[in-house]
mmCIF file of all heavy atoms, coordinates in Angstrom:
data_MODEL
# 
_entry.id   MODEL 
# 
loop_
_atom_site.group_PDB 
_atom_site.id 
_atom_site.type_symbol 
_atom_site.label_atom_id 
_atom_site.label_alt_id 
_atom_site.label_comp_id 
_atom_site.label_asym_id 
_atom_site.label_entity_id 
_atom_site.label_seq_id 
_atom_site.pdbx_PDB_ins_code 
_atom_site.Cartn_x 
_atom_site.Cartn_y 
_atom_site.Cartn_z 
_atom_site.occupancy 
_atom_site.B_iso_or_equiv 
_atom_site.pdbx_formal_charge 
_atom_site.auth_seq_id 
_atom_site.auth_comp_id 
_atom_site.auth_asym_id 
_atom_site.auth_atom_id 
_atom_site.pdbx_PDB_model_num 
ATOM 1   N N   . LEU A 1 1  ? 55.729 120.694 74.013 1.00 0.00 ? 1  LEU A N   1 
ATOM 2   C CA  . LEU A 1 1  ? 56.955 121.221 74.607 1.00 0.00 ? 1  LEU A CA  1 
ATOM 3   C C   . LEU A 1 1  ? 56.777 121.375 76.118 1.00 0.00 ? 1  LEU A C   1 
ATOM 4   O O   . LEU A 1 1  ? 57.675 121.044 76.900 1.00 0.00 ? 1  LEU A O   1 
ATOM 5   C CB  . LEU A 1 1  ? 57.299 122.571 73.975 1.00 0.00 ? 1  LEU A CB  1 
ATOM 6   C CG  . LEU A 1 1  ? 58.679 123.153 74.280 1.00 0.00 ? 1  LEU A CG  1 
ATOM 7   C CD1 . LEU A 1 1  ? 59.751 122.359 73.556 1.00 0.00 ? 1  LEU A CD1 1 
ATOM 8   C CD2 . LEU A 1 1  ? 58.742 124.613 73.871 1.00 0.00 ? 1  LEU A CD2 1 
ATOM 9   N N   . ILE A 1 2  ? 55.628 121.879 76.524 1.00 0.00 ? 2  ILE A N   1 
ATOM 10  C CA  . ILE A 1 2  ? 55.348 122.036 77.954 1.00 0.00 ? 2  ILE A CA  1 
ATOM 11  C C   . ILE A 1 2  ? 55.275 120.674 78.629 1.00 0.00 ? 2  ILE A C   1 
ATOM 12  O O   . ILE A 1 2  ? 55.841 120.465 79.713 1.00 0.00 ? 2  ILE A O   1 
ATOM 13  C CB  . ILE A 1 2  ? 54.043 122.829 78.159 1.00 0.00 ? 2  ILE A CB  1 
ATOM 14  C CG1 . ILE A 1 2  ? 54.245 124.300 77.750 1.00 0.00 ? 2  ILE A CG1 1 
ATOM 15  C CG2 . ILE A 1 2  ? 53.567 122.738 79.602 1.00 0.00 ? 2  ILE A CG2 1 
ATOM 16  C CD1 . ILE A 1 2  ? 52.982 125.133 77.773 1.00 0.00 ? 2  ILE A CD1 1 
ATOM 17  N N   . ARG A 1 3  ? 54.599 119.721 77.997 1.00 0.00 ? 3  ARG A N   1 
ATOM 18  C CA  . ARG A 1 3  ? 54.462 118.390 78.601 1.00 0.00 ? 3  ARG A CA  1 
ATOM 19  C C   . ARG A 1 3  ? 55.810 117.718 78.805 1.00 0.00 ? 3  ARG A C   1 
ATOM 20  O O   . ARG A 1 3  ? 56.039 117.060 79.816 1.00 0.00 ? 3  ARG A O   1 
ATOM 21  C CB  . ARG A 1 3  ? 53.570 117.514 77.729 1.00 0.00 ? 3  ARG A CB  1 
ATOM 22  C CG  . ARG A 1 3  ? 52.113 117.944 77.711 1.00 0.00 ? 3  ARG A CG  1 
ATOM 23  C CD  . ARG A 1 3  ? 51.245 116.947 76.960 1.00 0.00 ? 3  ARG A CD  1 
ATOM 24  N NE  . ARG A 1 3  ? 49.855 117.391 76.918 1.00 0.00 ? 3  ARG A NE  1 
ATOM 25  C CZ  . ARG A 1 3  ? 49.283 117.946 75.863 1.00 0.00 ? 3  ARG A CZ  1 
ATOM 26  N NH1 . ARG A 1 3  ? 49.988 118.111 74.749 1.00 0.00 ? 3  ARG A NH1 1 
ATOM 27  N NH2 . ARG A 1 3  ? 48.023 118.324 75.899 1.00 0.00 ? 3  ARG A NH2 1 
ATOM 28  N N   . ARG A 1 4  ? 56.694 117.864 77.835 1.00 0.00 ? 4  ARG A N   1 
ATOM 29  C CA  . ARG A 1 4  ? 57.962 117.141 77.882 1.00 0.00 ? 4  ARG A CA  1 
ATOM 30  C C   . ARG A 1 4  ? 59.081 117.895 78.590 1.00 0.00 ? 4  ARG A C   1 
ATOM 31  O O   . ARG A 1 4  ? 59.931 117.276 79.225 1.00 0.00 ? 4  ARG A O   1 
ATOM 32  C CB  . ARG A 1 4  ? 58.416 116.796 76.455 1.00 0.00 ? 4  ARG A CB  1 
ATOM 33  C CG  . ARG A 1 4  ? 57.454 115.899 75.695 1.00 0.00 ? 4  ARG A CG  1 
ATOM 34  C CD  . ARG A 1 4  ? 57.241 114.592 76.417 1.00 0.00 ? 4  ARG A CD  1 
ATOM 35  N NE  . ARG A 1 4  ? 56.245 113.753 75.736 1.00 0.00 ? 4  ARG A NE  1 
ATOM 36  C CZ  . ARG A 1 4  ? 55.754 112.626 76.240 1.00 0.00 ? 4  ARG A CZ  1 
ATOM 37  N NH1 . ARG A 1 4  ? 56.171 112.204 77.429 1.00 0.00 ? 4  ARG A NH1 1 
ATOM 38  N NH2 . ARG A 1 4  ? 54.858 111.928 75.569 1.00 0.00 ? 4  ARG A NH2 1 
ATOM 39  N N   . LEU A 1 5  ? 59.099 119.219 78.485 1.00 0.00 ? 5  LEU A N   1 
ATOM 40  C CA  . LEU A 1 5  ? 60.221 119.990 79.019 1.00 0.00 ? 5  LEU A CA  1 
ATOM 41  C C   . LEU A 1 5  ? 59.867 120.818 80.240 1.00 0.00 ? 5  LEU A C   1 
ATOM 42  O O   . LEU A 1 5  ? 60.735 121.076 81.074 1.00 0.00 ? 5  LEU A O   1 
ATOM 43  C CB  . LEU A 1 5  ? 60.786 120.923 77.937 1.00 0.00 ? 5  LEU A CB  1 
ATOM 44  C CG  . LEU A 1 5  ? 61.947 120.383 77.099 1.00 0.00 ? 5  LEU A CG  1 
ATOM 45  C CD1 . LEU A 1 5  ? 61.499 119.187 76.272 1.00 0.00 ? 5  LEU A CD1 1 
ATOM 46  C CD2 . LEU A 1 5  ? 62.493 121.461 76.187 1.00 0.00 ? 5  LEU A CD2 1 
ATOM 47  N N   . PHE A 1 6  ? 58.611 121.252 80.352 1.00 0.00 ? 6  PHE A N   1 
ATOM 48  C CA  . PHE A 1 6  ? 58.239 122.169 81.424 1.00 0.00 ? 6  PHE A CA  1 
ATOM 49  C C   . PHE A 1 6  ? 57.022 121.646 82.188 1.00 0.00 ? 6  PHE A C   1 
ATOM 50  O O   . PHE A 1 6  ? 55.945 122.254 82.146 1.00 0.00 ? 6  PHE A O   1 
ATOM 51  C CB  . PHE A 1 6  ? 57.960 123.556 80.849 1.00 0.00 ? 6  PHE A CB  1 
ATOM 52  C CG  . PHE A 1 6  ? 59.104 124.122 80.065 1.00 0.00 ? 6  PHE A CG  1 
ATOM 53  C CD1 . PHE A 1 6  ? 59.020 124.272 78.687 1.00 0.00 ? 6  PHE A CD1 1 
ATOM 54  C CD2 . PHE A 1 6  ? 60.281 124.483 80.704 1.00 0.00 ? 6  PHE A CD2 1 
ATOM 55  C CE1 . PHE A 1 6  ? 60.080 124.784 77.955 1.00 0.00 ? 6  PHE A CE1 1 
ATOM 56  C CE2 . PHE A 1 6  ? 61.345 125.006 79.988 1.00 0.00 ? 6  PHE A CE2 1 
ATOM 57  C CZ  . PHE A 1 6  ? 61.251 125.156 78.617 1.00 0.00 ? 6  PHE A CZ  1 
ATOM 58  N N   . PRO A 1 7  ? 57.169 120.532 82.884 1.00 0.00 ? 7  PRO A N   1 
ATOM 59  C CA  . PRO A 1 7  ? 56.013 119.932 83.571 1.00 0.00 ? 7  PRO A CA  1 
ATOM 60  C C   . PRO A 1 7  ? 55.374 120.833 84.617 1.00 0.00 ? 7  PRO A C   1 
ATOM 61  O O   . PRO A 1 7  ? 54.192 120.679 84.911 1.00 0.00 ? 7  PRO A O   1 
ATOM 62  C CB  . PRO A 1 7  ? 56.606 118.660 84.202 1.00 0.00 ? 7  PRO A CB  1 
ATOM 63  C CG  . PRO A 1 7  ? 58.086 118.873 84.201 1.00 0.00 ? 7  PRO A CG  1 
ATOM 64  C CD  . PRO A 1 7  ? 58.379 119.724 83.028 1.00 0.00 ? 7  PRO A CD  1 
ATOM 65  N N   . ALA A 1 8  ? 56.128 121.782 85.170 1.00 0.00 ? 8  ALA A N   1 
ATOM 66  C CA  . ALA A 1 8  ? 55.522 122.685 86.160 1.00 0.00 ? 8  ALA A CA  1 
ATOM 67  C C   . ALA A 1 8  ? 54.392 123.492 85.556 1.00 0.00 ? 8  ALA A C   1 
ATOM 68  O O   . ALA A 1 8  ? 53.470 123.925 86.263 1.00 0.00 ? 8  ALA A O   1 
ATOM 69  C CB  . ALA A 1 8  ? 56.587 123.627 86.725 1.00 0.00 ? 8  ALA A CB  1 
ATOM 70  N N   . ALA A 1 9  ? 54.433 123.722 84.244 1.00 0.00 ? 9  ALA A N   1 
ATOM 71  C CA  . ALA A 1 9  ? 53.409 124.528 83.574 1.00 0.00 ? 9  ALA A CA  1 
ATOM 72  C C   . ALA A 1 9  ? 52.265 123.690 83.018 1.00 0.00 ? 9  ALA A C   1 
ATOM 73  O O   . ALA A 1 9  ? 51.352 124.245 82.402 1.00 0.00 ? 9  ALA A O   1 
ATOM 74  C CB  . ALA A 1 9  ? 54.050 125.340 82.441 1.00 0.00 ? 9  ALA A CB  1 
ATOM 75  N N   . ARG A 1 10 ? 52.294 122.398 83.232 1.00 0.00 ? 10 ARG A N   1 
ATOM 76  C CA  . ARG A 1 10 ? 51.213 121.556 82.694 1.00 0.00 ? 10 ARG A CA  1 
ATOM 77  C C   . ARG A 1 10 ? 49.863 121.900 83.311 1.00 0.00 ? 10 ARG A C   1 
ATOM 78  O O   . ARG A 1 10 ? 48.820 121.670 82.702 1.00 0.00 ? 10 ARG A O   1 
ATOM 79  C CB  . ARG A 1 10 ? 51.544 120.077 82.906 1.00 0.00 ? 10 ARG A CB  1 
ATOM 80  C CG  . ARG A 1 10 ? 52.712 119.593 82.056 1.00 0.00 ? 10 ARG A CG  1 
ATOM 81  C CD  . ARG A 1 10 ? 53.000 118.127 82.240 1.00 0.00 ? 10 ARG A CD  1 
ATOM 82  N NE  . ARG A 1 10 ? 51.941 117.288 81.713 1.00 0.00 ? 10 ARG A NE  1 
ATOM 83  C CZ  . ARG A 1 10 ? 52.033 115.966 81.592 1.00 0.00 ? 10 ARG A CZ  1 
ATOM 84  N NH1 . ARG A 1 10 ? 53.142 115.351 81.962 1.00 0.00 ? 10 ARG A NH1 1 
ATOM 85  N NH2 . ARG A 1 10 ? 51.034 115.258 81.116 1.00 0.00 ? 10 ARG A NH2 1 
ATOM 86  N N   . ARG A 1 11 ? 49.901 122.429 84.516 1.00 0.00 ? 11 ARG A N   1 
ATOM 87  C CA  . ARG A 1 11 ? 48.640 122.802 85.177 1.00 0.00 ? 11 ARG A CA  1 
ATOM 88  C C   . ARG A 1 11 ? 47.866 123.836 84.370 1.00 0.00 ? 11 ARG A C   1 
ATOM 89  O O   . ARG A 1 11 ? 46.655 123.988 84.540 1.00 0.00 ? 11 ARG A O   1 
ATOM 90  C CB  . ARG A 1 11 ? 48.920 123.341 86.577 1.00 0.00 ? 11 ARG A CB  1 
ATOM 91  C CG  . ARG A 1 11 ? 49.708 124.655 86.587 1.00 0.00 ? 11 ARG A CG  1 
ATOM 92  C CD  . ARG A 1 11 ? 49.813 125.236 87.995 1.00 0.00 ? 11 ARG A CD  1 
ATOM 93  N NE  . ARG A 1 11 ? 50.452 124.319 88.908 1.00 0.00 ? 11 ARG A NE  1 
ATOM 94  C CZ  . ARG A 1 11 ? 50.100 124.185 90.184 1.00 0.00 ? 11 ARG A CZ  1 
ATOM 95  N NH1 . ARG A 1 11 ? 49.106 124.917 90.669 1.00 0.00 ? 11 ARG A NH1 1 
ATOM 96  N NH2 . ARG A 1 11 ? 50.722 123.343 90.966 1.00 0.00 ? 11 ARG A NH2 1 
ATOM 97  N N   . TYR A 1 12 ? 48.559 124.583 83.496 1.00 0.00 ? 12 TYR A N   1 
ATOM 98  C CA  . TYR A 1 12 ? 47.905 125.647 82.736 1.00 0.00 ? 12 TYR A CA  1 
ATOM 99  C C   . TYR A 1 12 ? 47.341 125.169 81.403 1.00 0.00 ? 12 TYR A C   1 
ATOM 100 O O   . TYR A 1 12 ? 46.649 125.919 80.720 1.00 0.00 ? 12 TYR A O   1 
ATOM 101 C CB  . TYR A 1 12 ? 48.890 126.790 82.496 1.00 0.00 ? 12 TYR A CB  1 
ATOM 102 C CG  . TYR A 1 12 ? 49.551 127.256 83.764 1.00 0.00 ? 12 TYR A CG  1 
ATOM 103 C CD1 . TYR A 1 12 ? 50.927 127.157 83.925 1.00 0.00 ? 12 TYR A CD1 1 
ATOM 104 C CD2 . TYR A 1 12 ? 48.795 127.761 84.818 1.00 0.00 ? 12 TYR A CD2 1 
ATOM 105 C CE1 . TYR A 1 12 ? 51.545 127.559 85.107 1.00 0.00 ? 12 TYR A CE1 1 
ATOM 106 C CE2 . TYR A 1 12 ? 49.401 128.159 85.998 1.00 0.00 ? 12 TYR A CE2 1 
ATOM 107 C CZ  . TYR A 1 12 ? 50.779 128.057 86.142 1.00 0.00 ? 12 TYR A CZ  1 
ATOM 108 O OH  . TYR A 1 12 ? 51.377 128.454 87.307 1.00 0.00 ? 12 TYR A OH  1 
ATOM 109 N N   . ILE A 1 13 ? 47.656 123.923 81.028 1.00 0.00 ? 13 ILE A N   1 
ATOM 110 C CA  . ILE A 1 13 ? 47.111 123.380 79.777 1.00 0.00 ? 13 ILE A CA  1 
ATOM 111 C C   . ILE A 1 13 ? 46.298 122.111 79.999 1.00 0.00 ? 13 ILE A C   1 
ATOM 112 O O   . ILE A 1 13 ? 45.579 121.666 79.110 1.00 0.00 ? 13 ILE A O   1 
ATOM 113 C CB  . ILE A 1 13 ? 48.227 123.096 78.751 1.00 0.00 ? 13 ILE A CB  1 
ATOM 114 C CG1 . ILE A 1 13 ? 49.204 122.047 79.284 1.00 0.00 ? 13 ILE A CG1 1 
ATOM 115 C CG2 . ILE A 1 13 ? 48.952 124.365 78.370 1.00 0.00 ? 13 ILE A CG2 1 
ATOM 116 C CD1 . ILE A 1 13 ? 50.193 121.540 78.242 1.00 0.00 ? 13 ILE A CD1 1 
ATOM 117 N N   . GLU A 1 14 ? 46.429 121.526 81.186 1.00 0.00 ? 14 GLU A N   1 
ATOM 118 C CA  . GLU A 1 14 ? 45.676 120.305 81.495 1.00 0.00 ? 14 GLU A CA  1 
ATOM 119 C C   . GLU A 1 14 ? 45.655 120.138 83.003 1.00 0.00 ? 14 GLU A C   1 
ATOM 120 O O   . GLU A 1 14 ? 46.371 120.806 83.736 1.00 0.00 ? 14 GLU A O   1 
ATOM 121 C CB  . GLU A 1 14 ? 46.317 119.083 80.834 1.00 0.00 ? 14 GLU A CB  1 
ATOM 122 C CG  . GLU A 1 14 ? 47.757 118.875 81.240 1.00 0.00 ? 14 GLU A CG  1 
ATOM 123 C CD  . GLU A 1 14 ? 48.455 117.812 80.421 1.00 0.00 ? 14 GLU A CD  1 
ATOM 124 O OE1 . GLU A 1 14 ? 48.126 117.653 79.232 1.00 0.00 ? 14 GLU A OE1 1 
ATOM 125 O OE2 . GLU A 1 14 ? 49.347 117.156 80.970 1.00 0.00 ? 14 GLU A OE2 1 
ATOM 126 N N   . ASN A 1 15 ? 44.873 119.221 83.484 1.00 0.00 ? 15 ASN A N   1 
ATOM 127 C CA  . ASN A 1 15 ? 44.742 119.010 84.927 1.00 0.00 ? 15 ASN A CA  1 
ATOM 128 C C   . ASN A 1 15 ? 45.854 118.083 85.408 1.00 0.00 ? 15 ASN A C   1 
ATOM 129 O O   . ASN A 1 15 ? 45.669 116.899 85.627 1.00 0.00 ? 15 ASN A O   1 
ATOM 130 C CB  . ASN A 1 15 ? 43.375 118.401 85.258 1.00 0.00 ? 15 ASN A CB  1 
ATOM 131 C CG  . ASN A 1 15 ? 43.144 118.316 86.752 1.00 0.00 ? 15 ASN A CG  1 
ATOM 132 O OD1 . ASN A 1 15 ? 43.784 119.032 87.523 1.00 0.00 ? 15 ASN A OD1 1 
ATOM 133 N ND2 . ASN A 1 15 ? 42.253 117.438 87.167 1.00 0.00 ? 15 ASN A ND2 1 
ATOM 134 N N   . ASN A 1 16 ? 47.052 118.654 85.531 1.00 0.00 ? 16 ASN A N   1 
ATOM 135 C CA  . ASN A 1 16 ? 48.208 117.858 85.940 1.00 0.00 ? 16 ASN A CA  1 
ATOM 136 C C   . ASN A 1 16 ? 49.140 118.767 86.736 1.00 0.00 ? 16 ASN A C   1 
ATOM 137 O O   . ASN A 1 16 ? 49.644 119.748 86.200 1.00 0.00 ? 16 ASN A O   1 
ATOM 138 C CB  . ASN A 1 16 ? 48.924 117.287 84.713 1.00 0.00 ? 16 ASN A CB  1 
ATOM 139 C CG  . ASN A 1 16 ? 49.883 116.176 85.097 1.00 0.00 ? 16 ASN A CG  1 
ATOM 140 O OD1 . ASN A 1 16 ? 50.603 116.273 86.069 1.00 0.00 ? 16 ASN A OD1 1 
ATOM 141 N ND2 . ASN A 1 16 ? 49.881 115.111 84.303 1.00 0.00 ? 16 ASN A ND2 1 
ATOM 142 N N   . GLN A 1 17 ? 49.353 118.450 88.008 1.00 0.00 ? 17 GLN A N   1 
ATOM 143 C CA  . GLN A 1 17 ? 50.150 119.326 88.859 1.00 0.00 ? 17 GLN A CA  1 
ATOM 144 C C   . GLN A 1 17 ? 51.289 118.549 89.506 1.00 0.00 ? 17 GLN A C   1 
ATOM 145 O O   . GLN A 1 17 ? 51.183 117.343 89.738 1.00 0.00 ? 17 GLN A O   1 
ATOM 146 C CB  . GLN A 1 17 ? 49.276 119.971 89.939 1.00 0.00 ? 17 GLN A CB  1 
ATOM 147 C CG  . GLN A 1 17 ? 48.162 120.839 89.375 1.00 0.00 ? 17 GLN A CG  1 
ATOM 148 C CD  . GLN A 1 17 ? 47.395 121.563 90.459 1.00 0.00 ? 17 GLN A CD  1 
ATOM 149 O OE1 . GLN A 1 17 ? 47.861 121.695 91.580 1.00 0.00 ? 17 GLN A OE1 1 
ATOM 150 N NE2 . GLN A 1 17 ? 46.208 122.052 90.119 1.00 0.00 ? 17 GLN A NE2 1 
ATOM 151 N N   . TYR A 1 18 ? 52.363 119.267 89.791 1.00 0.00 ? 18 TYR A N   1 
ATOM 152 C CA  . TYR A 1 18 ? 53.536 118.672 90.422 1.00 0.00 ? 18 TYR A CA  1 
ATOM 153 C C   . TYR A 1 18 ? 53.795 119.344 91.756 1.00 0.00 ? 18 TYR A C   1 
ATOM 154 O O   . TYR A 1 18 ? 53.579 120.543 91.917 1.00 0.00 ? 18 TYR A O   1 
ATOM 155 C CB  . TYR A 1 18 ? 54.767 118.825 89.527 1.00 0.00 ? 18 TYR A CB  1 
ATOM 156 C CG  . TYR A 1 18 ? 54.746 117.916 88.323 1.00 0.00 ? 18 TYR A CG  1 
ATOM 157 C CD1 . TYR A 1 18 ? 53.949 118.200 87.226 1.00 0.00 ? 18 TYR A CD1 1 
ATOM 158 C CD2 . TYR A 1 18 ? 55.518 116.755 88.300 1.00 0.00 ? 18 TYR A CD2 1 
ATOM 159 C CE1 . TYR A 1 18 ? 53.918 117.358 86.130 1.00 0.00 ? 18 TYR A CE1 1 
ATOM 160 C CE2 . TYR A 1 18 ? 55.499 115.910 87.209 1.00 0.00 ? 18 TYR A CE2 1 
ATOM 161 C CZ  . TYR A 1 18 ? 54.706 116.215 86.127 1.00 0.00 ? 18 TYR A CZ  1 
ATOM 162 O OH  . TYR A 1 18 ? 54.676 115.377 85.044 1.00 0.00 ? 18 TYR A OH  1 
ATOM 163 N N   . GLY A 1 19 ? 54.301 118.538 92.717 1.00 0.00 ? 19 GLY A N   1 
ATOM 164 C CA  . GLY A 1 19 ? 54.635 119.084 94.022 1.00 0.00 ? 19 GLY A CA  1 
ATOM 165 C C   . GLY A 1 19 ? 55.967 119.804 93.990 1.00 0.00 ? 19 GLY A C   1 
ATOM 166 O O   . GLY A 1 19 ? 56.774 119.642 93.074 1.00 0.00 ? 19 GLY A O   1 
ATOM 167 N N   . ARG A 1 20 ? 56.222 120.598 95.040 1.00 0.00 ? 20 ARG A N   1 
ATOM 168 C CA  . ARG A 1 20 ? 57.434 121.403 95.074 1.00 0.00 ? 20 ARG A CA  1 
ATOM 169 C C   . ARG A 1 20 ? 58.698 120.554 95.160 1.00 0.00 ? 20 ARG A C   1 
ATOM 170 O O   . ARG A 1 20 ? 59.781 120.996 94.765 1.00 0.00 ? 20 ARG A O   1 
ATOM 171 C CB  . ARG A 1 20 ? 57.369 122.386 96.248 1.00 0.00 ? 20 ARG A CB  1 
ATOM 172 C CG  . ARG A 1 20 ? 56.254 123.415 96.108 1.00 0.00 ? 20 ARG A CG  1 
ATOM 173 C CD  . ARG A 1 20 ? 56.351 124.478 97.177 1.00 0.00 ? 20 ARG A CD  1 
ATOM 174 N NE  . ARG A 1 20 ? 57.542 125.291 97.029 1.00 0.00 ? 20 ARG A NE  1 
ATOM 175 C CZ  . ARG A 1 20 ? 57.656 126.297 96.175 1.00 0.00 ? 20 ARG A CZ  1 
ATOM 176 N NH1 . ARG A 1 20 ? 56.649 126.600 95.363 1.00 0.00 ? 20 ARG A NH1 1 
ATOM 177 N NH2 . ARG A 1 20 ? 58.761 127.007 96.120 1.00 0.00 ? 20 ARG A NH2 1 
ATOM 178 N N   . ASN A 1 21 ? 58.574 119.307 95.644 1.00 0.00 ? 21 ASN A N   1 
ATOM 179 C CA  . ASN A 1 21 ? 59.763 118.458 95.699 1.00 0.00 ? 21 ASN A CA  1 
ATOM 180 C C   . ASN A 1 21 ? 60.223 118.038 94.307 1.00 0.00 ? 21 ASN A C   1 
ATOM 181 O O   . ASN A 1 21 ? 61.338 117.531 94.139 1.00 0.00 ? 21 ASN A O   1 
ATOM 182 C CB  . ASN A 1 21 ? 59.491 117.222 96.561 1.00 0.00 ? 21 ASN A CB  1 
ATOM 183 C CG  . ASN A 1 21 ? 58.345 116.377 96.019 1.00 0.00 ? 21 ASN A CG  1 
ATOM 184 O OD1 . ASN A 1 21 ? 57.536 116.852 95.234 1.00 0.00 ? 21 ASN A OD1 1 
ATOM 185 N ND2 . ASN A 1 21 ? 58.283 115.133 96.442 1.00 0.00 ? 21 ASN A ND2 1 
ATOM 186 N N   . SER A 1 22 ? 59.386 118.247 93.289 1.00 0.00 ? 22 SER A N   1 
ATOM 187 C CA  . SER A 1 22 ? 59.799 117.925 91.921 1.00 0.00 ? 22 SER A CA  1 
ATOM 188 C C   . SER A 1 22 ? 60.954 118.804 91.469 1.00 0.00 ? 22 SER A C   1 
ATOM 189 O O   . SER A 1 22 ? 61.761 118.398 90.621 1.00 0.00 ? 22 SER A O   1 
ATOM 190 C CB  . SER A 1 22 ? 58.620 118.101 90.955 1.00 0.00 ? 22 SER A CB  1 
ATOM 191 O OG  . SER A 1 22 ? 57.551 117.251 91.284 1.00 0.00 ? 22 SER A OG  1 
ATOM 192 N N   . GLN A 1 23 ? 61.045 120.004 92.030 1.00 0.00 ? 23 GLN A N   1 
ATOM 193 C CA  . GLN A 1 23 ? 62.128 120.911 91.648 1.00 0.00 ? 23 GLN A CA  1 
ATOM 194 C C   . GLN A 1 23 ? 63.490 120.277 91.908 1.00 0.00 ? 23 GLN A C   1 
ATOM 195 O O   . GLN A 1 23 ? 64.424 120.427 91.105 1.00 0.00 ? 23 GLN A O   1 
ATOM 196 C CB  . GLN A 1 23 ? 62.012 122.229 92.429 1.00 0.00 ? 23 GLN A CB  1 
ATOM 197 C CG  . GLN A 1 23 ? 60.796 123.062 92.083 1.00 0.00 ? 23 GLN A CG  1 
ATOM 198 C CD  . GLN A 1 23 ? 60.998 123.870 90.804 1.00 0.00 ? 23 GLN A CD  1 
ATOM 199 O OE1 . GLN A 1 23 ? 61.940 123.666 90.075 1.00 0.00 ? 23 GLN A OE1 1 
ATOM 200 N NE2 . GLN A 1 23 ? 60.089 124.788 90.551 1.00 0.00 ? 23 GLN A NE2 1 
ATOM 201 N N   . ALA A 1 24 ? 63.593 119.574 93.018 1.00 0.00 ? 24 ALA A N   1 
ATOM 202 C CA  . ALA A 1 24 ? 64.871 118.924 93.343 1.00 0.00 ? 24 ALA A CA  1 
ATOM 203 C C   . ALA A 1 24 ? 65.210 117.848 92.320 1.00 0.00 ? 24 ALA A C   1 
ATOM 204 O O   . ALA A 1 24 ? 66.375 117.665 91.950 1.00 0.00 ? 24 ALA A O   1 
ATOM 205 C CB  . ALA A 1 24 ? 64.807 118.322 94.746 1.00 0.00 ? 24 ALA A CB  1 
ATOM 206 N N   . VAL A 1 25 ? 64.200 117.136 91.854 1.00 0.00 ? 25 VAL A N   1 
ATOM 207 C CA  . VAL A 1 25 ? 64.422 116.097 90.837 1.00 0.00 ? 25 VAL A CA  1 
ATOM 208 C C   . VAL A 1 25 ? 64.907 116.717 89.540 1.00 0.00 ? 25 VAL A C   1 
ATOM 209 O O   . VAL A 1 25 ? 65.878 116.251 88.922 1.00 0.00 ? 25 VAL A O   1 
ATOM 210 C CB  . VAL A 1 25 ? 63.128 115.289 90.604 1.00 0.00 ? 25 VAL A CB  1 
ATOM 211 C CG1 . VAL A 1 25 ? 63.326 114.270 89.487 1.00 0.00 ? 25 VAL A CG1 1 
ATOM 212 C CG2 . VAL A 1 25 ? 62.693 114.601 91.885 1.00 0.00 ? 25 VAL A CG2 1 
ATOM 213 N N   . TRP A 1 26 ? 64.256 117.790 89.107 1.00 0.00 ? 26 TRP A N   1 
ATOM 214 C CA  . TRP A 1 26 ? 64.650 118.443 87.850 1.00 0.00 ? 26 TRP A CA  1 
ATOM 215 C C   . TRP A 1 26 ? 66.037 119.048 87.965 1.00 0.00 ? 26 TRP A C   1 
ATOM 216 O O   . TRP A 1 26 ? 66.802 119.045 86.997 1.00 0.00 ? 26 TRP A O   1 
ATOM 217 C CB  . TRP A 1 26 ? 63.621 119.516 87.482 1.00 0.00 ? 26 TRP A CB  1 
ATOM 218 C CG  . TRP A 1 26 ? 62.234 118.966 87.325 1.00 0.00 ? 26 TRP A CG  1 
ATOM 219 C CD1 . TRP A 1 26 ? 61.894 117.711 86.911 1.00 0.00 ? 26 TRP A CD1 1 
ATOM 220 C CD2 . TRP A 1 26 ? 60.992 119.639 87.605 1.00 0.00 ? 26 TRP A CD2 1 
ATOM 221 N NE1 . TRP A 1 26 ? 60.524 117.554 86.918 1.00 0.00 ? 26 TRP A NE1 1 
ATOM 222 C CE2 . TRP A 1 26 ? 59.945 118.723 87.332 1.00 0.00 ? 26 TRP A CE2 1 
ATOM 223 C CE3 . TRP A 1 26 ? 60.665 120.917 88.045 1.00 0.00 ? 26 TRP A CE3 1 
ATOM 224 C CZ2 . TRP A 1 26 ? 58.611 119.064 87.486 1.00 0.00 ? 26 TRP A CZ2 1 
ATOM 225 C CZ3 . TRP A 1 26 ? 59.336 121.254 88.209 1.00 0.00 ? 26 TRP A CZ3 1 
ATOM 226 C CH2 . TRP A 1 26 ? 58.310 120.337 87.930 1.00 0.00 ? 26 TRP A CH2 1 
ATOM 227 N N   . LEU A 1 27 ? 66.355 119.544 89.133 1.00 0.00 ? 27 LEU A N   1 
ATOM 228 C CA  . LEU A 1 27 ? 67.692 120.086 89.343 1.00 0.00 ? 27 LEU A CA  1 
ATOM 229 C C   . LEU A 1 27 ? 68.730 118.976 89.255 1.00 0.00 ? 27 LEU A C   1 
ATOM 230 O O   . LEU A 1 27 ? 69.754 119.115 88.579 1.00 0.00 ? 27 LEU A O   1 
ATOM 231 C CB  . LEU A 1 27 ? 67.759 120.771 90.711 1.00 0.00 ? 27 LEU A CB  1 
ATOM 232 C CG  . LEU A 1 27 ? 69.080 121.448 91.076 1.00 0.00 ? 27 LEU A CG  1 
ATOM 233 C CD1 . LEU A 1 27 ? 69.336 122.651 90.183 1.00 0.00 ? 27 LEU A CD1 1 
ATOM 234 C CD2 . LEU A 1 27 ? 69.072 121.864 92.545 1.00 0.00 ? 27 LEU A CD2 1 
# 
């Protein structure tokens, strides 16, 4: 669920981080 719906939280379950500009894409 985190991987598919909440990528911002992937950093807490695996080594995968998103930049702040991703917020604009999700919006």
